[in-house]
Amino acid sequence: MSTVDSTSPSGSLVIAVDGTSGSGKSSTSRGVAERLGLRYLDTGAMFRAMTWWLLREGIDVRDEAAVAAAAGRPTIESGTDPLAPTITVDGTDVSVAIRADEVNAAVSPVSAVPEVRARLLELQRKAIGEGGIVVEGRDIGSVVWPQAEVKVYLSADPDARAQRRTAEQGGTDVARTQQSLLERDRIDSGRATAPLTMAEGAVHVDSTHLTLAEVIDRIVALATRARRA
């Protein structure tokens, strides 16, 4: 398990990694956290966990009022070990369940509900605490933790993203995956509350032609410079 000494140079460091779906945020963020001995938080998994719970409870995820009224009910907990991140809802491990197609299809409208974002924002900031963590999502550098010492906006061209996501999921329909990713980007970028955007002061990293190791190296270098500043 990754542990952080709060007295070390990395002890209070917060690295915010935002970006588009399928750009490699999770693999990159976990790799950076492991290299630097930091904790890791996947905020997207929290929104997926909320979505999974709403679907299980039979709540219409397209009914914003119903989602808003229910948003405070589930207990969502995120483990922050980059080597074995966990996510539970009311004590149930949902790490696999939240990756199901029905959750994929419903997470964007759920994420757009202000009450959901407010509830999870509170949990995210609590998890960040005194720092020593890599946090990935859509609005980390712009909303969740704008004071982060390192802010990265990770992207890749649509075809590369679709190829990667299709391979991760063991699928074969790259065109369908690409359409799904672009639709999610459209919804996330256009929502009124905390839209997907590149935060002020963020460094844009295009991973289209980079290996995972190269992307990790770039962010580790940014963190090293930030610690020396």
C-alpha atoms as a PDB file:
ATOM      1  CA  MET A   1       0.000   0.000   0.000  1.00  0.00           C
ATOM      2  CA  SER A   2       1.201   3.511  -0.826  1.00  0.00           C
ATOM      3  CA  THR A   3       1.859   5.611   2.255  1.00  0.00           C
ATOM      4  CA  VAL A   4       2.752   9.260   2.578  1.00  0.00           C
ATOM      5  CA  ASP A   5       4.923  10.903   5.192  1.00  0.00           C
ATOM      6  CA  SER A   6       3.326  14.299   5.797  1.00  0.00           C
ATOM      7  CA  THR A   7       6.753  15.768   6.609  1.00  0.00           C
ATOM      8  CA  SER A   8       8.259  14.752   3.242  1.00  0.00           C
ATOM      9  CA  PRO A   9       8.377  17.095   0.224  1.00  0.00           C
ATOM     10  CA  SER A  10       5.454  15.166  -1.298  1.00  0.00           C
ATOM     11  CA  GLY A  11       3.482  15.056   1.922  1.00  0.00           C
ATOM     12  CA  SER A  12       1.116  17.946   1.175  1.00  0.00           C
ATOM     13  CA  LEU A  13       1.291  17.840  -2.628  1.00  0.00           C
ATOM     14  CA  VAL A  14      -1.971  17.691  -4.566  1.00  0.00           C
ATOM     15  CA  ILE A  15      -1.842  16.731  -8.240  1.00  0.00           C
ATOM     16  CA  ALA A  16      -5.081  17.357 -10.147  1.00  0.00           C
ATOM     17  CA  VAL A  17      -5.527  15.338 -13.334  1.00  0.00           C
ATOM     18  CA  ASP A  18      -8.534  16.323 -15.427  1.00  0.00           C
ATOM     19  CA  GLY A  19      -9.424  15.353 -18.953  1.00  0.00           C
ATOM     20  CA  THR A  20     -11.618  13.610 -21.453  1.00  0.00           C
ATOM     21  CA  SER A  21     -12.976  10.068 -21.251  1.00  0.00           C
ATOM     22  CA  GLY A  22     -10.515   7.424 -22.402  1.00  0.00           C
ATOM     23  CA  SER A  23      -7.479   9.711 -22.351  1.00  0.00           C
ATOM     24  CA  GLY A  24      -5.685   7.531 -19.793  1.00  0.00           C
ATOM     25  CA  LYS A  25      -6.406   9.488 -16.609  1.00  0.00           C
ATOM     26  CA  SER A  26      -6.777   6.461 -14.340  1.00  0.00           C
ATOM     27  CA  SER A  27      -3.678   4.547 -15.424  1.00  0.00           C
ATOM     28  CA  THR A  28      -1.651   7.734 -15.467  1.00  0.00           C
ATOM     29  CA  SER A  29      -2.851   8.960 -12.076  1.00  0.00           C
ATOM     30  CA  ARG A  30      -2.248   5.613 -10.403  1.00  0.00           C
ATOM     31  CA  GLY A  31       1.210   5.420 -11.946  1.00  0.00           C
ATOM     32  CA  VAL A  32       2.132   8.915 -10.794  1.00  0.00           C
ATOM     33  CA  ALA A  33       0.845   8.226  -7.284  1.00  0.00           C
ATOM     34  CA  GLU A  34       2.842   5.008  -7.066  1.00  0.00           C
ATOM     35  CA  ARG A  35       6.037   6.682  -8.335  1.00  0.00           C
ATOM     36  CA  LEU A  36       5.758   9.553  -5.859  1.00  0.00           C
ATOM     37  CA  GLY A  37       4.434   7.583  -2.887  1.00  0.00           C
ATOM     38  CA  LEU A  38       1.120   9.457  -2.893  1.00  0.00           C
ATOM     39  CA  ARG A  39      -2.477   8.454  -2.348  1.00  0.00           C
ATOM     40  CA  TYR A  40      -4.885   8.258  -5.292  1.00  0.00           C
ATOM     41  CA  LEU A  41      -8.532   9.275  -5.684  1.00  0.00           C
ATOM     42  CA  ASP A  42     -10.748   8.417  -8.649  1.00  0.00           C
ATOM     43  CA  THR A  43     -13.621  10.896  -8.446  1.00  0.00           C
ATOM     44  CA  GLY A  44     -15.237   9.389 -11.529  1.00  0.00           C
ATOM     45  CA  ALA A  45     -15.730   6.155  -9.612  1.00  0.00           C
ATOM     46  CA  MET A  46     -17.669   8.120  -6.998  1.00  0.00           C
ATOM     47  CA  PHE A  47     -20.116   9.383  -9.618  1.00  0.00           C
ATOM     48  CA  ARG A  48     -20.388   5.880 -11.017  1.00  0.00           C
ATOM     49  CA  ALA A  49     -21.067   4.544  -7.531  1.00  0.00           C
ATOM     50  CA  MET A  50     -23.871   7.052  -7.046  1.00  0.00           C
ATOM     51  CA  THR A  51     -25.282   6.097 -10.451  1.00  0.00           C
ATOM     52  CA  TRP A  52     -25.103   2.379  -9.643  1.00  0.00           C
ATOM     53  CA  TRP A  53     -26.979   2.958  -6.379  1.00  0.00           C
ATOM     54  CA  LEU A  54     -29.698   5.036  -8.074  1.00  0.00           C
ATOM     55  CA  LEU A  55     -30.223   2.320 -10.696  1.00  0.00           C
ATOM     56  CA  ARG A  56     -30.354  -0.383  -8.026  1.00  0.00           C
ATOM     57  CA  GLU A  57     -32.930   1.628  -6.091  1.00  0.00           C
ATOM     58  CA  GLY A  58     -35.085   1.985  -9.189  1.00  0.00           C
ATOM     59  CA  ILE A  59     -34.753   5.761  -9.331  1.00  0.00           C
ATOM     60  CA  ASP A  60     -35.157   7.314 -12.775  1.00  0.00           C
ATOM     61  CA  VAL A  61     -31.738   8.809 -13.489  1.00  0.00           C
ATOM     62  CA  ARG A  62     -33.314  11.163 -16.050  1.00  0.00           C
ATOM     63  CA  ASP A  63     -35.572  12.645 -13.368  1.00  0.00           C
ATOM     64  CA  GLU A  64     -33.358  15.401 -11.947  1.00  0.00           C
ATOM     65  CA  ALA A  65     -35.664  16.103  -8.993  1.00  0.00           C
ATOM     66  CA  ALA A  66     -35.754  12.441  -7.978  1.00  0.00           C
ATOM     67  CA  VAL A  67     -31.977  12.119  -8.254  1.00  0.00           C
ATOM     68  CA  ALA A  68     -31.467  15.317  -6.260  1.00  0.00           C
ATOM     69  CA  ALA A  69     -33.789  14.121  -3.497  1.00  0.00           C
ATOM     70  CA  ALA A  70     -31.936  10.798  -3.192  1.00  0.00           C
ATOM     71  CA  ALA A  71     -28.353  12.041  -3.506  1.00  0.00           C
ATOM     72  CA  GLY A  72     -27.751  12.247   0.225  1.00  0.00           C
ATOM     73  CA  ARG A  73     -28.806   8.699   1.050  1.00  0.00           C
ATOM     74  CA  PRO A  74     -25.991   6.302   0.014  1.00  0.00           C
ATOM     75  CA  THR A  75     -22.725   6.030   1.964  1.00  0.00           C
ATOM     76  CA  ILE A  76     -19.899   6.138  -0.582  1.00  0.00           C
ATOM     77  CA  GLU A  77     -16.321   5.413   0.489  1.00  0.00           C
ATOM     78  CA  SER A  78     -13.191   5.481  -1.673  1.00  0.00           C
ATOM     79  CA  GLY A  79      -9.961   3.653  -0.856  1.00  0.00           C
ATOM     80  CA  THR A  80      -6.892   5.677  -1.861  1.00  0.00           C
ATOM     81  CA  ASP A  81      -4.200   3.025  -2.342  1.00  0.00           C
ATOM     82  CA  PRO A  82      -3.035   3.437  -5.986  1.00  0.00           C
ATOM     83  CA  LEU A  83      -2.090  -0.243  -6.156  1.00  0.00           C
ATOM     84  CA  ALA A  84      -5.541  -1.410  -5.053  1.00  0.00           C
ATOM     85  CA  PRO A  85      -8.122   1.398  -5.178  1.00  0.00           C
ATOM     86  CA  THR A  86     -11.547   0.511  -3.813  1.00  0.00           C
ATOM     87  CA  ILE A  87     -15.053   1.962  -3.934  1.00  0.00           C
ATOM     88  CA  THR A  88     -17.939   0.856  -1.722  1.00  0.00           C
ATOM     89  CA  VAL A  89     -21.590   1.835  -1.413  1.00  0.00           C
ATOM     90  CA  ASP A  90     -23.225   1.162   1.935  1.00  0.00           C
ATOM     91  CA  GLY A  91     -20.381  -1.264   2.654  1.00  0.00           C
ATOM     92  CA  THR A  92     -20.714  -3.187  -0.629  1.00  0.00           C
ATOM     93  CA  ASP A  93     -17.716  -3.381  -2.975  1.00  0.00           C
ATOM     94  CA  VAL A  94     -18.906  -2.022  -6.324  1.00  0.00           C
ATOM     95  CA  SER A  95     -15.540  -1.762  -8.093  1.00  0.00           C
ATOM     96  CA  VAL A  96     -16.665  -4.093 -10.888  1.00  0.00           C
ATOM     97  CA  ALA A  97     -20.376  -3.257 -10.920  1.00  0.00           C
ATOM     98  CA  ILE A  98     -19.819   0.436 -11.626  1.00  0.00           C
ATOM     99  CA  ARG A  99     -18.164  -0.400 -14.958  1.00  0.00           C
ATOM    100  CA  ALA A 100     -21.305  -2.049 -16.366  1.00  0.00           C
ATOM    101  CA  ASP A 101     -22.848  -0.734 -19.594  1.00  0.00           C
ATOM    102  CA  GLU A 102     -25.996   0.485 -17.819  1.00  0.00           C
ATOM    103  CA  VAL A 103     -23.865   2.630 -15.509  1.00  0.00           C
ATOM    104  CA  ASN A 104     -21.808   3.925 -18.446  1.00  0.00           C
ATOM    105  CA  ALA A 105     -25.031   5.043 -20.137  1.00  0.00           C
ATOM    106  CA  ALA A 106     -26.424   6.785 -17.060  1.00  0.00           C
ATOM    107  CA  VAL A 107     -23.451   8.424 -15.339  1.00  0.00           C
ATOM    108  CA  SER A 108     -23.390  11.676 -17.338  1.00  0.00           C
ATOM    109  CA  PRO A 109     -26.973  12.791 -16.549  1.00  0.00           C
ATOM    110  CA  VAL A 110     -26.459  11.852 -12.909  1.00  0.00           C
ATOM    111  CA  SER A 111     -23.190  13.803 -12.809  1.00  0.00           C
ATOM    112  CA  ALA A 112     -24.962  16.894 -14.118  1.00  0.00           C
ATOM    113  CA  VAL A 113     -27.320  17.137 -11.126  1.00  0.00           C
ATOM    114  CA  PRO A 114     -26.056  19.939  -8.822  1.00  0.00           C
ATOM    115  CA  GLU A 115     -27.085  18.119  -5.644  1.00  0.00           C
ATOM    116  CA  VAL A 116     -25.052  15.067  -6.666  1.00  0.00           C
ATOM    117  CA  ARG A 117     -22.014  17.198  -7.396  1.00  0.00           C
ATOM    118  CA  ALA A 118     -22.358  19.063  -4.099  1.00  0.00           C
ATOM    119  CA  ARG A 119     -22.613  15.823  -2.113  1.00  0.00           C
ATOM    120  CA  LEU A 120     -19.603  14.234  -3.799  1.00  0.00           C
ATOM    121  CA  LEU A 121     -17.605  17.471  -3.743  1.00  0.00           C
ATOM    122  CA  GLU A 122     -17.790  17.364   0.041  1.00  0.00           C
ATOM    123  CA  LEU A 123     -16.541  13.760   0.075  1.00  0.00           C
ATOM    124  CA  GLN A 124     -13.770  14.540  -2.420  1.00  0.00           C
ATOM    125  CA  ARG A 125     -12.427  17.480  -0.444  1.00  0.00           C
ATOM    126  CA  LYS A 126     -12.539  15.436   2.737  1.00  0.00           C
ATOM    127  CA  ALA A 127     -10.529  12.674   1.043  1.00  0.00           C
ATOM    128  CA  ILE A 128      -7.928  15.150  -0.202  1.00  0.00           C
ATOM    129  CA  GLY A 129      -7.553  16.511   3.309  1.00  0.00           C
ATOM    130  CA  GLU A 130      -4.011  17.754   3.928  1.00  0.00           C
ATOM    131  CA  GLY A 131      -2.807  16.519   0.555  1.00  0.00           C
ATOM    132  CA  GLY A 132      -0.316  13.911  -0.502  1.00  0.00           C
ATOM    133  CA  ILE A 133      -2.613  12.696  -3.258  1.00  0.00           C
ATOM    134  CA  VAL A 134      -3.213  12.445  -7.009  1.00  0.00           C
ATOM    135  CA  VAL A 135      -6.847  13.183  -7.862  1.00  0.00           C
ATOM    136  CA  GLU A 136      -8.390  12.467 -11.237  1.00  0.00           C
ATOM    137  CA  GLY A 137     -11.659  13.683 -12.672  1.00  0.00           C
ATOM    138  CA  ARG A 138     -13.298  16.355 -14.787  1.00  0.00           C
ATOM    139  CA  ASP A 139     -13.250  19.436 -12.534  1.00  0.00           C
ATOM    140  CA  ILE A 140     -10.503  18.830  -9.979  1.00  0.00           C
ATOM    141  CA  GLY A 141      -8.299  21.764 -10.930  1.00  0.00           C
ATOM    142  CA  SER A 142     -11.205  24.101 -11.651  1.00  0.00           C
ATOM    143  CA  VAL A 143     -13.657  23.337  -8.808  1.00  0.00           C
ATOM    144  CA  VAL A 144     -12.678  20.568  -6.396  1.00  0.00           C
ATOM    145  CA  TRP A 145      -9.137  21.751  -5.564  1.00  0.00           C
ATOM    146  CA  PRO A 146      -8.182  24.853  -7.592  1.00  0.00           C
ATOM    147  CA  GLN A 147      -5.211  25.435  -5.259  1.00  0.00           C
ATOM    148  CA  ALA A 148      -3.536  22.197  -6.411  1.00  0.00           C
ATOM    149  CA  GLU A 149       0.218  22.612  -6.851  1.00  0.00           C
ATOM    150  CA  VAL A 150       0.129  20.619 -10.093  1.00  0.00           C
ATOM    151  CA  LYS A 151      -2.761  20.749 -12.554  1.00  0.00           C
ATOM    152  CA  VAL A 152      -2.827  18.608 -15.680  1.00  0.00           C
ATOM    153  CA  TYR A 153      -5.374  18.412 -18.479  1.00  0.00           C
ATOM    154  CA  LEU A 154      -4.975  15.059 -20.217  1.00  0.00           C
ATOM    155  CA  SER A 155      -6.411  14.466 -23.669  1.00  0.00           C
ATOM    156  CA  ALA A 156      -6.002  12.308 -26.764  1.00  0.00           C
ATOM    157  CA  ASP A 157      -7.597  12.274 -30.175  1.00  0.00           C
ATOM    158  CA  PRO A 158     -10.976  10.480 -30.395  1.00  0.00           C
ATOM    159  CA  ASP A 159      -9.680   7.488 -32.355  1.00  0.00           C
ATOM    160  CA  ALA A 160      -6.858   6.788 -29.897  1.00  0.00           C
ATOM    161  CA  ARG A 161      -9.225   7.114 -26.959  1.00  0.00           C
ATOM    162  CA  ALA A 162     -11.741   4.754 -28.537  1.00  0.00           C
ATOM    163  CA  GLN A 163      -9.057   2.186 -29.374  1.00  0.00           C
ATOM    164  CA  ARG A 164      -7.786   2.219 -25.780  1.00  0.00           C
ATOM    165  CA  ARG A 165     -11.211   2.057 -24.148  1.00  0.00           C
ATOM    166  CA  THR A 166     -12.378  -0.742 -26.454  1.00  0.00           C
ATOM    167  CA  ALA A 167      -9.243  -2.764 -25.636  1.00  0.00           C
ATOM    168  CA  GLU A 168      -9.693  -2.164 -21.896  1.00  0.00           C
ATOM    169  CA  GLN A 169     -13.248  -3.456 -22.054  1.00  0.00           C
ATOM    170  CA  GLY A 170     -12.386  -6.423 -24.242  1.00  0.00           C
ATOM    171  CA  GLY A 171     -14.698  -5.208 -27.003  1.00  0.00           C
ATOM    172  CA  THR A 172     -14.383  -4.940 -30.768  1.00  0.00           C
ATOM    173  CA  ASP A 173     -16.723  -2.102 -31.818  1.00  0.00           C
ATOM    174  CA  VAL A 174     -14.359   0.871 -31.821  1.00  0.00           C
ATOM    175  CA  ALA A 175     -16.799   3.130 -33.687  1.00  0.00           C
ATOM    176  CA  ARG A 176     -19.514   2.589 -31.106  1.00  0.00           C
ATOM    177  CA  THR A 177     -17.063   3.241 -28.281  1.00  0.00           C
ATOM    178  CA  GLN A 178     -15.904   6.456 -29.937  1.00  0.00           C
ATOM    179  CA  GLN A 179     -19.492   7.645 -30.334  1.00  0.00           C
ATOM    180  CA  SER A 180     -20.130   6.949 -26.641  1.00  0.00           C
ATOM    181  CA  LEU A 181     -16.998   8.807 -25.545  1.00  0.00           C
ATOM    182  CA  LEU A 182     -17.787  11.851 -27.672  1.00  0.00           C
ATOM    183  CA  GLU A 183     -21.359  11.965 -26.380  1.00  0.00           C
ATOM    184  CA  ARG A 184     -20.110  11.870 -22.803  1.00  0.00           C
ATOM    185  CA  ASP A 185     -17.646  14.666 -23.561  1.00  0.00           C
ATOM    186  CA  ARG A 186     -20.481  16.725 -25.058  1.00  0.00           C
ATOM    187  CA  ILE A 187     -22.668  16.307 -21.977  1.00  0.00           C
ATOM    188  CA  ASP A 188     -19.853  16.854 -19.499  1.00  0.00           C
ATOM    189  CA  SER A 189     -18.528  19.941 -21.301  1.00  0.00           C
ATOM    190  CA  GLY A 190     -21.977  21.480 -21.696  1.00  0.00           C
ATOM    191  CA  ARG A 191     -23.418  21.006 -18.214  1.00  0.00           C
ATOM    192  CA  ALA A 192     -24.125  24.130 -16.188  1.00  0.00           C
ATOM    193  CA  THR A 193     -22.484  22.900 -12.994  1.00  0.00           C
ATOM    194  CA  ALA A 194     -18.708  22.219 -12.966  1.00  0.00           C
ATOM    195  CA  PRO A 195     -18.288  21.457 -16.688  1.00  0.00           C
ATOM    196  CA  LEU A 196     -15.316  19.588 -18.098  1.00  0.00           C
ATOM    197  CA  THR A 197     -12.740  22.271 -18.818  1.00  0.00           C
ATOM    198  CA  MET A 198      -9.024  22.919 -18.639  1.00  0.00           C
ATOM    199  CA  ALA A 199      -8.381  24.702 -15.347  1.00  0.00           C
ATOM    200  CA  GLU A 200      -6.485  27.956 -15.151  1.00  0.00           C
ATOM    201  CA  GLY A 201      -2.802  27.188 -14.790  1.00  0.00           C
ATOM    202  CA  ALA A 202      -3.137  23.589 -15.991  1.00  0.00           C
ATOM    203  CA  VAL A 203      -0.566  21.955 -18.264  1.00  0.00           C
ATOM    204  CA  HIS A 204      -2.110  20.290 -21.314  1.00  0.00           C
ATOM    205  CA  VAL A 205      -0.699  16.831 -22.039  1.00  0.00           C
ATOM    206  CA  ASP A 206      -1.826  15.165 -25.288  1.00  0.00           C
ATOM    207  CA  SER A 207      -1.311  11.434 -24.824  1.00  0.00           C
ATOM    208  CA  THR A 208      -2.222  10.443 -28.394  1.00  0.00           C
ATOM    209  CA  HIS A 209       1.330   9.562 -29.411  1.00  0.00           C
ATOM    210  CA  LEU A 210       2.807   8.984 -25.963  1.00  0.00           C
ATOM    211  CA  THR A 211       3.223   5.747 -24.046  1.00  0.00           C
ATOM    212  CA  LEU A 212       1.800   5.486 -20.552  1.00  0.00           C
ATOM    213  CA  ALA A 213       5.324   5.628 -19.131  1.00  0.00           C
ATOM    214  CA  GLU A 214       6.038   8.834 -21.046  1.00  0.00           C
ATOM    215  CA  VAL A 215       2.886  10.511 -19.738  1.00  0.00           C
ATOM    216  CA  ILE A 216       3.724   9.476 -16.175  1.00  0.00           C
ATOM    217  CA  ASP A 217       7.260  10.812 -16.607  1.00  0.00           C
ATOM    218  CA  ARG A 218       5.949  14.196 -17.727  1.00  0.00           C
ATOM    219  CA  ILE A 219       3.659  14.589 -14.730  1.00  0.00           C
ATOM    220  CA  VAL A 220       6.292  13.355 -12.288  1.00  0.00           C
ATOM    221  CA  ALA A 221       8.626  16.009 -13.730  1.00  0.00           C
ATOM    222  CA  LEU A 222       5.963  18.677 -13.156  1.00  0.00           C
ATOM    223  CA  ALA A 223       5.555  17.479  -9.567  1.00  0.00           C
ATOM    224  CA  THR A 224       9.298  17.525  -8.984  1.00  0.00           C
ATOM    225  CA  ARG A 225       9.509  21.122 -10.179  1.00  0.00           C
ATOM    226  CA  ALA A 226       6.530  22.091  -8.012  1.00  0.00           C
ATOM    227  CA  ARG A 227       8.156  20.617  -4.912  1.00  0.00           C
ATOM    228  CA  ARG A 228      11.334  22.604  -5.575  1.00  0.00           C
ATOM    229  CA  ALA A 229       9.507  25.889  -6.146  1.00  0.00           C
END
